[in-house]
């Protein structure tokens, strides 16, 4: 799988469109979210909400990948009878990553 490396950010907020760019040093366009006034109330900012969700995608993907890797380690440890090998705080860190990504998507970060 190949995609523009994150983190991504909402950039160039205009009344009718929003750019999502990578913030890794080189401004590279990732996506553009357009206002759909036919389906929205005048002045609605749905396109900004959509852009925020798109911008959070790399962090959300990273959190899910870490969660599934952790789940695999827990399962393997259970099979071997070595559950005490799993760090207790590992899941807390994954949840913190996920919460930060959700906050970014919901613009409360």
Protein backbone atom coordinates (compact mmCIF):
# COMPACT_ATOMS: atom_id res chain seq x y z
CA UNK A 1 0.00 0.00 0.00
CA UNK A 2 1.32 3.40 -0.93
CA UNK A 3 -0.04 6.75 0.15
CA UNK A 4 1.24 10.21 1.01
CA UNK A 5 2.97 9.99 4.40
CA UNK A 6 1.30 11.78 7.29
CA UNK A 7 0.68 13.65 9.30
CA UNK A 8 -1.95 15.39 7.22
CA UNK A 9 -3.56 18.73 8.04
CA UNK A 10 -6.45 20.90 6.94
CA UNK A 11 -5.04 23.78 4.93
CA UNK A 12 -6.33 26.72 2.90
CA UNK A 13 -9.85 26.86 4.33
CA UNK A 14 -12.07 28.69 1.82
CA UNK A 15 -15.87 29.12 1.84
CA UNK A 16 -16.40 26.48 -0.87
CA UNK A 17 -13.42 24.13 -0.53
CA UNK A 18 -10.69 22.94 1.83
CA UNK A 19 -7.33 21.40 1.00
CA UNK A 20 -5.80 18.56 2.99
CA UNK A 21 -2.01 18.55 2.76
CA UNK A 22 0.76 16.56 4.35
CA UNK A 23 2.59 18.41 7.08
CA UNK A 24 5.81 16.47 6.79
CA UNK A 25 7.83 19.44 5.59
CA UNK A 26 6.70 19.46 1.96
CA UNK A 27 3.21 20.80 1.29
CA UNK A 28 1.78 18.05 -0.87
CA UNK A 29 -1.92 18.05 -1.74
CA UNK A 30 -3.63 14.94 -0.39
CA UNK A 31 -7.30 15.78 -0.97
CA UNK A 32 -9.75 18.57 -1.62
CA UNK A 33 -13.14 18.69 0.07
CA UNK A 34 -15.78 20.75 -1.68
CA UNK A 35 -18.97 22.28 -0.30
CA UNK A 36 -22.10 20.64 -1.63
CA UNK A 37 -24.58 23.50 -1.32
CA UNK A 38 -27.40 21.59 -3.03
CA UNK A 39 -27.55 19.22 -0.06
CA UNK A 40 -26.46 21.61 2.67
CA UNK A 41 -27.89 24.61 4.39
CA UNK A 42 -26.38 27.90 3.19
CA UNK A 43 -23.09 28.47 4.96
CA UNK A 44 -22.83 24.84 6.11
CA UNK A 45 -19.29 23.69 6.78
CA UNK A 46 -19.69 19.98 6.04
CA UNK A 47 -16.71 20.11 3.71
CA UNK A 48 -14.51 21.31 6.59
CA UNK A 49 -15.70 18.40 8.77
CA UNK A 50 -14.99 16.00 5.89
CA UNK A 51 -11.51 17.48 5.45
CA UNK A 52 -10.78 17.07 9.17
CA UNK A 53 -11.76 13.40 9.00
CA UNK A 54 -9.56 12.86 5.94
CA UNK A 55 -6.65 14.65 7.66
CA UNK A 56 -6.94 12.31 10.66
CA UNK A 57 -6.76 9.16 8.50
CA UNK A 58 -3.01 8.45 8.93
CA UNK A 59 -3.25 8.68 12.72
CA UNK A 60 -6.39 6.54 12.80
CA UNK A 61 -4.73 3.91 10.60
CA UNK A 62 -1.63 3.88 12.81
CA UNK A 63 -3.70 3.41 15.97
CA UNK A 64 -5.67 0.53 14.43
CA UNK A 65 -2.49 -1.17 13.22
CA UNK A 66 -0.97 -0.92 16.69
CA UNK A 67 -4.17 -2.25 18.24
CA UNK A 68 -4.23 -5.32 16.00
CA UNK A 69 -0.51 -5.96 16.56
CA UNK A 70 -1.10 -5.76 20.33
CA UNK A 71 -4.09 -8.10 20.06
CA UNK A 72 -1.90 -10.61 18.20
CA UNK A 73 0.81 -10.40 20.89
CA UNK A 74 -1.79 -10.96 23.62
CA UNK A 75 -3.24 -13.97 21.79
CA UNK A 76 0.22 -15.49 21.24
CA UNK A 77 1.11 -14.94 24.89
CA UNK A 78 -2.14 -16.60 25.98
CA UNK A 79 -1.42 -19.61 23.76
CA UNK A 80 2.06 -19.92 25.32
CA UNK A 81 0.67 -19.33 28.82
CA UNK A 82 2.87 -16.24 29.22
CA UNK A 83 0.31 -13.44 29.60
CA UNK A 84 2.62 -11.74 32.13
CA UNK A 85 4.92 -10.84 29.18
CA UNK A 86 2.41 -8.28 27.88
CA UNK A 87 3.08 -4.73 29.16
CA UNK A 88 0.05 -3.48 31.03
CA UNK A 89 0.31 0.07 29.71
CA UNK A 90 0.61 -0.88 26.00
CA UNK A 91 -3.12 -0.70 25.40
CA UNK A 92 -3.34 2.65 27.23
CA UNK A 93 -0.84 4.17 24.78
CA UNK A 94 -2.79 2.80 21.81
CA UNK A 95 -6.03 4.26 23.18
CA UNK A 96 -4.31 7.63 23.67
CA UNK A 97 -3.23 7.57 20.00
CA UNK A 98 -6.76 6.72 18.90
CA UNK A 99 -8.31 9.40 21.12
CA UNK A 100 -5.93 12.03 19.71
CA UNK A 101 -6.79 11.01 16.15
CA UNK A 102 -10.51 11.16 16.90
CA UNK A 103 -10.08 14.58 18.50
CA UNK A 104 -8.26 15.75 15.37
CA UNK A 105 -11.08 14.46 13.17
CA UNK A 106 -13.66 16.17 15.36
CA UNK A 107 -11.57 19.37 15.62
CA UNK A 108 -11.39 19.26 19.41
CA UNK A 109 -7.62 18.80 19.44
